């Protein structure tokens, strides 16, 4: 375990507010990575997706890099543009 992992583990267990914010931020980051990877797997650029969604490249960048507040309809259109289907599961 690296020094950072040790620090993070200790901080997460000792600071509940930090843990909650960290976990929320990590989930949003991870979701953005999933969107970006789906786009790349489809062989598309952000500009390609922007054209398909009739928006600006900067909007696609925001979706991929700050995905914590994206409309469901936008996610559905993004998924369709990369040849995927959006599914939501409550656990």
PDB file of N, CA and C in Angstrom:
ATOM      1  N   UNK A   1       0.848  -1.177   0.000  1.00  0.00           N
ATOM      2  CA  UNK A   1       0.000   0.000   0.000  1.00  0.00           C
ATOM      3  C   UNK A   1       0.894   1.240   0.000  1.00  0.00           C
ATOM      4  N   UNK A   2       0.596   2.168  -0.910  1.00  0.00           N
ATOM      5  CA  UNK A   2       1.404   3.380  -1.010  1.00  0.00           C
ATOM      6  C   UNK A   2       1.112   4.319   0.156  1.00  0.00           C
ATOM      7  N   UNK A   3       1.977   5.310   0.327  1.00  0.00           N
ATOM      8  CA  UNK A   3       1.772   6.305   1.382  1.00  0.00           C
ATOM      9  C   UNK A   3       0.440   7.031   1.181  1.00  0.00           C
ATOM     10  N   UNK A   4       0.129   7.341  -0.086  1.00  0.00           N
ATOM     11  CA  UNK A   4      -1.136   8.022  -0.362  1.00  0.00           C
ATOM     12  C   UNK A   4      -2.317   7.140   0.029  1.00  0.00           C
ATOM     13  N   UNK A   5      -2.278   5.882  -0.324  1.00  0.00           N
ATOM     14  CA  UNK A   5      -3.369   4.962   0.010  1.00  0.00           C
ATOM     15  C   UNK A   5      -3.523   4.833   1.532  1.00  0.00           C
ATOM     16  N   UNK A   6      -2.408   4.799   2.248  1.00  0.00           N
ATOM     17  CA  UNK A   6      -2.462   4.744   3.714  1.00  0.00           C
ATOM     18  C   UNK A   6      -3.110   6.014   4.269  1.00  0.00           C
ATOM     19  N   UNK A   7      -2.661   7.159   3.757  1.00  0.00           N
ATOM     20  CA  UNK A   7      -3.226   8.438   4.194  1.00  0.00           C
ATOM     21  C   UNK A   7      -4.728   8.481   3.905  1.00  0.00           C
ATOM     22  N   UNK A   8      -5.100   8.109   2.680  1.00  0.00           N
ATOM     23  CA  UNK A   8      -6.504   8.160   2.279  1.00  0.00           C
ATOM     24  C   UNK A   8      -7.350   7.232   3.135  1.00  0.00           C
ATOM     25  N   UNK A   9      -6.886   6.043   3.358  1.00  0.00           N
ATOM     26  CA  UNK A   9      -7.611   5.077   4.179  1.00  0.00           C
ATOM     27  C   UNK A   9      -7.839   5.629   5.595  1.00  0.00           C
ATOM     28  N   UNK A  10      -6.786   6.211   6.174  1.00  0.00           N
ATOM     29  CA  UNK A  10      -6.887   6.773   7.521  1.00  0.00           C
ATOM     30  C   UNK A  10      -7.849   7.963   7.540  1.00  0.00           C
ATOM     31  N   UNK A  11      -7.722   8.826   6.551  1.00  0.00           N
ATOM     32  CA  UNK A  11      -8.570  10.024   6.495  1.00  0.00           C
ATOM     33  C   UNK A  11     -10.036   9.651   6.281  1.00  0.00           C
ATOM     34  N   UNK A  12     -10.281   8.665   5.419  1.00  0.00           N
ATOM     35  CA  UNK A  12     -11.650   8.230   5.168  1.00  0.00           C
ATOM     36  C   UNK A  12     -12.296   7.631   6.423  1.00  0.00           C
ATOM     37  N   UNK A  13     -11.513   6.910   7.200  1.00  0.00           N
ATOM     38  CA  UNK A  13     -12.068   6.288   8.405  1.00  0.00           C
ATOM     39  C   UNK A  13     -12.217   7.274   9.568  1.00  0.00           C
ATOM     40  N   UNK A  14     -11.432   8.347   9.568  1.00  0.00           N
ATOM     41  CA  UNK A  14     -11.461   9.294  10.684  1.00  0.00           C
ATOM     42  C   UNK A  14     -12.298  10.543  10.440  1.00  0.00           C
ATOM     43  N   UNK A  15     -12.663  10.814   9.207  1.00  0.00           N
ATOM     44  CA  UNK A  15     -13.354  12.061   8.879  1.00  0.00           C
ATOM     45  C   UNK A  15     -14.560  11.740   7.996  1.00  0.00           C
ATOM     46  N   UNK A  16     -15.736  11.619   8.604  1.00  0.00           N
ATOM     47  CA  UNK A  16     -16.930  11.206   7.868  1.00  0.00           C
ATOM     48  C   UNK A  16     -17.342  12.218   6.797  1.00  0.00           C
ATOM     49  N   UNK A  17     -17.180  13.506   7.074  1.00  0.00           N
ATOM     50  CA  UNK A  17     -17.526  14.527   6.075  1.00  0.00           C
ATOM     51  C   UNK A  17     -16.602  14.405   4.858  1.00  0.00           C
ATOM     52  N   UNK A  18     -15.320  14.252   5.101  1.00  0.00           N
ATOM     53  CA  UNK A  18     -14.362  14.050   4.013  1.00  0.00           C
ATOM     54  C   UNK A  18     -14.726  12.798   3.221  1.00  0.00           C
ATOM     55  N   UNK A  19     -15.045  11.716   3.923  1.00  0.00           N
ATOM     56  CA  UNK A  19     -15.372  10.449   3.272  1.00  0.00           C
ATOM     57  C   UNK A  19     -16.588  10.597   2.369  1.00  0.00           C
ATOM     58  N   UNK A  20     -17.623  11.266   2.859  1.00  0.00           N
ATOM     59  CA  UNK A  20     -18.836  11.452   2.061  1.00  0.00           C
ATOM     60  C   UNK A  20     -18.548  12.261   0.804  1.00  0.00           C
ATOM     61  N   UNK A  21     -17.836  13.373   0.959  1.00  0.00           N
ATOM     62  CA  UNK A  21     -17.512  14.213  -0.193  1.00  0.00           C
ATOM     63  C   UNK A  21     -16.566  13.505  -1.160  1.00  0.00           C
ATOM     64  N   UNK A  22     -15.611  12.773  -0.619  1.00  0.00           N
ATOM     65  CA  UNK A  22     -14.666  12.036  -1.460  1.00  0.00           C
ATOM     66  C   UNK A  22     -15.406  10.993  -2.289  1.00  0.00           C
ATOM     67  N   UNK A  23     -16.278  10.245  -1.652  1.00  0.00           N
ATOM     68  CA  UNK A  23     -16.997   9.189  -2.357  1.00  0.00           C
ATOM     69  C   UNK A  23     -17.920   9.749  -3.437  1.00  0.00           C
ATOM     70  N   UNK A  24     -18.598  10.847  -3.162  1.00  0.00           N
ATOM     71  CA  UNK A  24     -19.460  11.487  -4.169  1.00  0.00           C
ATOM     72  C   UNK A  24     -18.621  11.961  -5.348  1.00  0.00           C
ATOM     73  N   UNK A  25     -17.523  12.614  -5.063  1.00  0.00           N
ATOM     74  CA  UNK A  25     -16.648  13.111  -6.127  1.00  0.00           C
ATOM     75  C   UNK A  25     -16.050  11.992  -6.950  1.00  0.00           C
ATOM     76  N   UNK A  26     -15.663  10.926  -6.285  1.00  0.00           N
ATOM     77  CA  UNK A  26     -15.082   9.785  -6.987  1.00  0.00           C
ATOM     78  C   UNK A  26     -16.098   9.133  -7.901  1.00  0.00           C
ATOM     79  N   UNK A  27     -17.336   8.999  -7.460  1.00  0.00           N
ATOM     80  CA  UNK A  27     -18.376   8.389  -8.295  1.00  0.00           C
ATOM     81  C   UNK A  27     -18.624   9.238  -9.544  1.00  0.00           C
ATOM     82  N   UNK A  28     -18.672  10.550  -9.388  1.00  0.00           N
ATOM     83  CA  UNK A  28     -18.872  11.432 -10.540  1.00  0.00           C
ATOM     84  C   UNK A  28     -17.691  11.329 -11.497  1.00  0.00           C
ATOM     85  N   UNK A  29     -16.478  11.308 -10.953  1.00  0.00           N
ATOM     86  CA  UNK A  29     -15.276  11.170 -11.773  1.00  0.00           C
ATOM     87  C   UNK A  29     -15.306   9.853 -12.543  1.00  0.00           C
ATOM     88  N   UNK A  30     -15.651   8.769 -11.841  1.00  0.00           N
ATOM     89  CA  UNK A  30     -15.671   7.438 -12.455  1.00  0.00           C
ATOM     90  C   UNK A  30     -16.697   7.392 -13.588  1.00  0.00           C
ATOM     91  N   UNK A  31     -17.855   8.023 -13.390  1.00  0.00           N
ATOM     92  CA  UNK A  31     -18.878   8.039 -14.416  1.00  0.00           C
ATOM     93  C   UNK A  31     -18.386   8.780 -15.653  1.00  0.00           C
ATOM     94  N   UNK A  32     -17.699   9.894 -15.449  1.00  0.00           N
ATOM     95  CA  UNK A  32     -17.136  10.633 -16.576  1.00  0.00           C
ATOM     96  C   UNK A  32     -16.136   9.800 -17.353  1.00  0.00           C
ATOM     97  N   UNK A  33     -15.332   9.016 -16.650  1.00  0.00           N
ATOM     98  CA  UNK A  33     -14.355   8.135 -17.295  1.00  0.00           C
ATOM     99  C   UNK A  33     -15.077   7.084 -18.139  1.00  0.00           C
ATOM    100  N   UNK A  34     -16.170   6.546 -17.628  1.00  0.00           N
ATOM    101  CA  UNK A  34     -16.951   5.557 -18.379  1.00  0.00           C
ATOM    102  C   UNK A  34     -17.473   6.171 -19.674  1.00  0.00           C
ATOM    103  N   UNK A  35     -17.980   7.389 -19.608  1.00  0.00           N
ATOM    104  CA  UNK A  35     -18.484   8.065 -20.804  1.00  0.00           C
ATOM    105  C   UNK A  35     -17.363   8.301 -21.808  1.00  0.00           C
ATOM    106  N   UNK A  36     -16.228   8.768 -21.317  1.00  0.00           N
ATOM    107  CA  UNK A  36     -15.092   9.041 -22.191  1.00  0.00           C
ATOM    108  C   UNK A  36     -14.606   7.761 -22.869  1.00  0.00           C
ATOM    109  N   UNK A  37     -14.514   6.675 -22.107  1.00  0.00           N
ATOM    110  CA  UNK A  37     -14.059   5.399 -22.663  1.00  0.00           C
ATOM    111  C   UNK A  37     -15.037   4.870 -23.712  1.00  0.00           C
ATOM    112  N   UNK A  38     -16.326   5.032 -23.474  1.00  0.00           N
ATOM    113  CA  UNK A  38     -17.337   4.598 -24.457  1.00  0.00           C
ATOM    114  C   UNK A  38     -17.170   5.378 -25.755  1.00  0.00           C
ATOM    115  N   UNK A  39     -16.909   6.676 -25.632  1.00  0.00           N
ATOM    116  CA  UNK A  39     -16.703   7.505 -26.831  1.00  0.00           C
ATOM    117  C   UNK A  39     -15.469   7.047 -27.586  1.00  0.00           C
ATOM    118  N   UNK A  40     -14.385   6.820 -26.867  1.00  0.00           N
ATOM    119  CA  UNK A  40     -13.138   6.396 -27.512  1.00  0.00           C
ATOM    120  C   UNK A  40     -13.287   5.015 -28.153  1.00  0.00           C
ATOM    121  N   UNK A  41     -13.978   4.083 -27.471  1.00  0.00           N
ATOM    122  CA  UNK A  41     -14.208   2.756 -28.031  1.00  0.00           C
ATOM    123  C   UNK A  41     -14.990   2.832 -29.339  1.00  0.00           C
ATOM    124  N   UNK A  42     -15.868   3.820 -29.429  1.00  0.00           N
ATOM    125  CA  UNK A  42     -16.655   4.022 -30.650  1.00  0.00           C
ATOM    126  C   UNK A  42     -15.833   4.713 -31.742  1.00  0.00           C
ATOM    127  N   UNK A  43     -14.607   5.125 -31.393  1.00  0.00           N
ATOM    128  CA  UNK A  43     -13.748   5.800 -32.365  1.00  0.00           C
ATOM    129  C   UNK A  43     -14.184   7.216 -32.674  1.00  0.00           C
ATOM    130  N   UNK A  44     -14.811   7.854 -31.700  1.00  0.00           N
ATOM    131  CA  UNK A  44     -15.341   9.201 -31.911  1.00  0.00           C
ATOM    132  C   UNK A  44     -14.595  10.228 -31.072  1.00  0.00           C
ATOM    133  N   UNK A  45     -14.534  11.437 -31.579  1.00  0.00           N
ATOM    134  CA  UNK A  45     -13.951  12.552 -30.839  1.00  0.00           C
ATOM    135  C   UNK A  45     -15.070  13.291 -30.108  1.00  0.00           C
ATOM    136  N   UNK A  46     -14.683  14.187 -29.230  1.00  0.00           N
ATOM    137  CA  UNK A  46     -15.683  15.023 -28.573  1.00  0.00           C
ATOM    138  C   UNK A  46     -16.448  15.851 -29.603  1.00  0.00           C
ATOM    139  N   UNK A  47     -15.768  16.297 -30.636  1.00  0.00           N
ATOM    140  CA  UNK A  47     -16.431  17.076 -31.687  1.00  0.00           C
ATOM    141  C   UNK A  47     -17.451  16.216 -32.435  1.00  0.00           C
ATOM    142  N   UNK A  48     -17.111  14.952 -32.692  1.00  0.00           N
ATOM    143  CA  UNK A  48     -18.064  14.051 -33.347  1.00  0.00           C
ATOM    144  C   UNK A  48     -19.341  13.920 -32.518  1.00  0.00           C
ATOM    145  N   UNK A  49     -19.181  13.726 -31.219  1.00  0.00           N
ATOM    146  CA  UNK A  49     -20.341  13.586 -30.339  1.00  0.00           C
ATOM    147  C   UNK A  49     -21.122  14.892 -30.291  1.00  0.00           C
ATOM    148  N   UNK A  50     -20.408  15.999 -30.204  1.00  0.00           N
ATOM    149  CA  UNK A  50     -21.069  17.309 -30.179  1.00  0.00           C
ATOM    150  C   UNK A  50     -21.927  17.499 -31.425  1.00  0.00           C
ATOM    151  N   UNK A  51     -21.403  17.122 -32.576  1.00  0.00           N
ATOM    152  CA  UNK A  51     -22.173  17.242 -33.818  1.00  0.00           C
ATOM    153  C   UNK A  51     -23.433  16.381 -33.763  1.00  0.00           C
ATOM    154  N   UNK A  52     -23.306  15.161 -33.265  1.00  0.00           N
ATOM    155  CA  UNK A  52     -24.453  14.257 -33.177  1.00  0.00           C
ATOM    156  C   UNK A  52     -25.505  14.767 -32.192  1.00  0.00           C
ATOM    157  N   UNK A  53     -25.068  15.442 -31.126  1.00  0.00           N
ATOM    158  CA  UNK A  53     -25.986  15.952 -30.116  1.00  0.00           C
ATOM    159  C   UNK A  53     -26.398  17.399 -30.373  1.00  0.00           C
ATOM    160  N   UNK A  54     -25.909  17.976 -31.474  1.00  0.00           N
ATOM    161  CA  UNK A  54     -26.212  19.360 -31.851  1.00  0.00           C
ATOM    162  C   UNK A  54     -25.848  20.325 -30.723  1.00  0.00           C
ATOM    163  N   UNK A  55     -24.602  20.192 -30.271  1.00  0.00           N
ATOM    164  CA  UNK A  55     -24.108  21.051 -29.203  1.00  0.00           C
ATOM    165  C   UNK A  55     -22.652  21.393 -29.483  1.00  0.00           C
ATOM    166  N   UNK A  56     -22.005  22.024 -28.525  1.00  0.00           N
ATOM    167  CA  UNK A  56     -20.607  22.416 -28.663  1.00  0.00           C
ATOM    168  C   UNK A  56     -19.681  21.358 -28.068  1.00  0.00           C
ATOM    169  N   UNK A  57     -18.451  21.294 -28.582  1.00  0.00           N
ATOM    170  CA  UNK A  57     -17.441  20.376 -28.051  1.00  0.00           C
ATOM    171  C   UNK A  57     -17.220  20.628 -26.558  1.00  0.00           C
ATOM    172  N   UNK A  58     -17.271  21.878 -26.145  1.00  0.00           N
ATOM    173  CA  UNK A  58     -17.061  22.207 -24.737  1.00  0.00           C
ATOM    174  C   UNK A  58     -18.135  21.571 -23.847  1.00  0.00           C
ATOM    175  N   UNK A  59     -19.344  21.420 -24.366  1.00  0.00           N
ATOM    176  CA  UNK A  59     -20.411  20.775 -23.592  1.00  0.00           C
ATOM    177  C   UNK A  59     -20.094  19.298 -23.381  1.00  0.00           C
ATOM    178  N   UNK A  60     -19.523  18.648 -24.384  1.00  0.00           N
ATOM    179  CA  UNK A  60     -19.150  17.239 -24.265  1.00  0.00           C
ATOM    180  C   UNK A  60     -17.998  17.106 -23.266  1.00  0.00           C
ATOM    181  N   UNK A  61     -17.065  18.015 -23.308  1.00  0.00           N
ATOM    182  CA  UNK A  61     -15.964  18.007 -22.348  1.00  0.00           C
ATOM    183  C   UNK A  61     -16.497  18.140 -20.927  1.00  0.00           C
ATOM    184  N   UNK A  62     -17.456  19.038 -20.709  1.00  0.00           N
ATOM    185  CA  UNK A  62     -18.050  19.205 -19.375  1.00  0.00           C
ATOM    186  C   UNK A  62     -18.750  17.923 -18.925  1.00  0.00           C
ATOM    187  N   UNK A  63     -19.449  17.267 -19.845  1.00  0.00           N
ATOM    188  CA  UNK A  63     -20.136  16.017 -19.500  1.00  0.00           C
ATOM    189  C   UNK A  63     -19.120  14.974 -19.057  1.00  0.00           C
ATOM    190  N   UNK A  64     -18.021  14.853 -19.782  1.00  0.00           N
ATOM    191  CA  UNK A  64     -17.011  13.847 -19.471  1.00  0.00           C
ATOM    192  C   UNK A  64     -16.183  14.191 -18.231  1.00  0.00           C
ATOM    193  N   UNK A  65     -15.985  15.472 -17.970  1.00  0.00           N
ATOM    194  CA  UNK A  65     -15.101  15.867 -16.880  1.00  0.00           C
ATOM    195  C   UNK A  65     -15.821  16.348 -15.621  1.00  0.00           C
ATOM    196  N   UNK A  66     -17.109  16.654 -15.732  1.00  0.00           N
ATOM    197  CA  UNK A  66     -17.888  17.128 -14.586  1.00  0.00           C
ATOM    198  C   UNK A  66     -19.272  16.511 -14.663  1.00  0.00           C
ATOM    199  N   UNK A  67     -19.309  15.186 -14.658  1.00  0.00           N
ATOM    200  CA  UNK A  67     -20.547  14.467 -14.964  1.00  0.00           C
ATOM    201  C   UNK A  67     -21.517  14.355 -13.793  1.00  0.00           C
ATOM    202  N   UNK A  68     -21.302  15.120 -12.732  1.00  0.00           N
ATOM    203  CA  UNK A  68     -22.170  14.974 -11.570  1.00  0.00           C
ATOM    204  C   UNK A  68     -23.550  15.594 -11.761  1.00  0.00           C
ATOM    205  N   UNK A  69     -23.736  16.412 -12.785  1.00  0.00           N
ATOM    206  CA  UNK A  69     -25.024  17.081 -12.965  1.00  0.00           C
ATOM    207  C   UNK A  69     -25.391  17.094 -14.448  1.00  0.00           C
ATOM    208  N   UNK A  70     -25.730  15.923 -14.977  1.00  0.00           N
ATOM    209  CA  UNK A  70     -26.074  15.793 -16.387  1.00  0.00           C
ATOM    210  C   UNK A  70     -27.508  15.287 -16.480  1.00  0.00           C
ATOM    211  N   UNK A  71     -28.290  15.890 -17.363  1.00  0.00           N
ATOM    212  CA  UNK A  71     -29.671  15.451 -17.541  1.00  0.00           C
ATOM    213  C   UNK A  71     -29.711  14.017 -18.074  1.00  0.00           C
ATOM    214  N   UNK A  72     -30.710  13.284 -17.648  1.00  0.00           N
ATOM    215  CA  UNK A  72     -30.899  11.921 -18.106  1.00  0.00           C
ATOM    216  C   UNK A  72     -31.082  11.884 -19.621  1.00  0.00           C
ATOM    217  N   UNK A  73     -31.807  12.829 -20.164  1.00  0.00           N
ATOM    218  CA  UNK A  73     -32.030  12.867 -21.615  1.00  0.00           C
ATOM    219  C   UNK A  73     -30.708  13.072 -22.365  1.00  0.00           C
ATOM    220  N   UNK A  74     -29.817  13.852 -21.799  1.00  0.00           N
ATOM    221  CA  UNK A  74     -28.505  14.061 -22.412  1.00  0.00           C
ATOM    222  C   UNK A  74     -27.688  12.778 -22.378  1.00  0.00           C
ATOM    223  N   UNK A  75     -27.740  12.073 -21.253  1.00  0.00           N
ATOM    224  CA  UNK A  75     -27.021  10.801 -21.149  1.00  0.00           C
ATOM    225  C   UNK A  75     -27.558   9.782 -22.148  1.00  0.00           C
ATOM    226  N   UNK A  76     -28.871   9.753 -22.331  1.00  0.00           N
ATOM    227  CA  UNK A  76     -29.467   8.837 -23.305  1.00  0.00           C
ATOM    228  C   UNK A  76     -28.994   9.167 -24.724  1.00  0.00           C
ATOM    229  N   UNK A  77     -28.952  10.443 -25.052  1.00  0.00           N
ATOM    230  CA  UNK A  77     -28.488  10.860 -26.379  1.00  0.00           C
ATOM    231  C   UNK A  77     -27.003  10.560 -26.556  1.00  0.00           C
ATOM    232  N   UNK A  78     -26.200  10.755 -25.510  1.00  0.00           N
ATOM    233  CA  UNK A  78     -24.770  10.459 -25.549  1.00  0.00           C
ATOM    234  C   UNK A  78     -24.581   8.962 -25.802  1.00  0.00           C
ATOM    235  N   UNK A  79     -25.316   8.138 -25.051  1.00  0.00           N
ATOM    236  CA  UNK A  79     -25.214   6.681 -25.208  1.00  0.00           C
ATOM    237  C   UNK A  79     -25.562   6.266 -26.635  1.00  0.00           C
ATOM    238  N   UNK A  80     -26.620   6.793 -27.167  1.00  0.00           N
ATOM    239  CA  UNK A  80     -27.021   6.476 -28.537  1.00  0.00           C
ATOM    240  C   UNK A  80     -25.939   6.889 -29.523  1.00  0.00           C
ATOM    241  N   UNK A  81     -25.338   8.052 -29.306  1.00  0.00           N
ATOM    242  CA  UNK A  81     -24.296   8.566 -30.206  1.00  0.00           C
ATOM    243  C   UNK A  81     -23.071   7.664 -30.248  1.00  0.00           C
ATOM    244  N   UNK A  82     -22.789   6.957 -29.147  1.00  0.00           N
ATOM    245  CA  UNK A  82     -21.626   6.059 -29.116  1.00  0.00           C
ATOM    246  C   UNK A  82     -22.030   4.604 -29.362  1.00  0.00           C
ATOM    247  N   UNK A  83     -23.290   4.405 -29.752  1.00  0.00           N
ATOM    248  CA  UNK A  83     -23.755   3.062 -30.082  1.00  0.00           C
ATOM    249  C   UNK A  83     -24.044   2.195 -28.869  1.00  0.00           C
ATOM    250  N   UNK A  84     -24.383   2.832 -27.767  1.00  0.00           N
ATOM    251  CA  UNK A  84     -24.678   2.111 -26.526  1.00  0.00           C
ATOM    252  C   UNK A  84     -26.119   2.361 -26.106  1.00  0.00           C
ATOM    253  N   UNK A  85     -26.541   1.644 -25.091  1.00  0.00           N
ATOM    254  CA  UNK A  85     -27.855   1.807 -24.503  1.00  0.00           C
ATOM    255  C   UNK A  85     -27.668   2.178 -23.035  1.00  0.00           C
ATOM    256  N   UNK A  86     -28.369   3.171 -22.577  1.00  0.00           N
ATOM    257  CA  UNK A  86     -28.278   3.599 -21.184  1.00  0.00           C
ATOM    258  C   UNK A  86     -29.209   2.757 -20.333  1.00  0.00           C
ATOM    259  N   UNK A  87     -28.673   2.167 -19.277  1.00  0.00           N
ATOM    260  CA  UNK A  87     -29.464   1.424 -18.308  1.00  0.00           C
ATOM    261  C   UNK A  87     -29.160   1.977 -16.929  1.00  0.00           C
ATOM    262  N   UNK A  88     -30.199   2.098 -16.115  1.00  0.00           N
ATOM    263  CA  UNK A  88     -30.030   2.598 -14.755  1.00  0.00           C
ATOM    264  C   UNK A  88     -30.534   1.528 -13.797  1.00  0.00           C
ATOM    265  N   UNK A  89     -29.725   1.256 -12.786  1.00  0.00           N
ATOM    266  CA  UNK A  89     -30.078   0.244 -11.795  1.00  0.00           C
ATOM    267  C   UNK A  89     -30.042   0.869 -10.412  1.00  0.00           C
ATOM    268  N   UNK A  90     -31.072   0.624  -9.641  1.00  0.00           N
ATOM    269  CA  UNK A  90     -31.067   1.059  -8.243  1.00  0.00           C
ATOM    270  C   UNK A  90     -30.597  -0.120  -7.402  1.00  0.00           C
ATOM    271  N   UNK A  91     -29.618   0.133  -6.546  1.00  0.00           N
ATOM    272  CA  UNK A  91     -29.104  -0.935  -5.687  1.00  0.00           C
ATOM    273  C   UNK A  91     -29.137  -0.506  -4.243  1.00  0.00           C
TER     274      UNK A  91
END
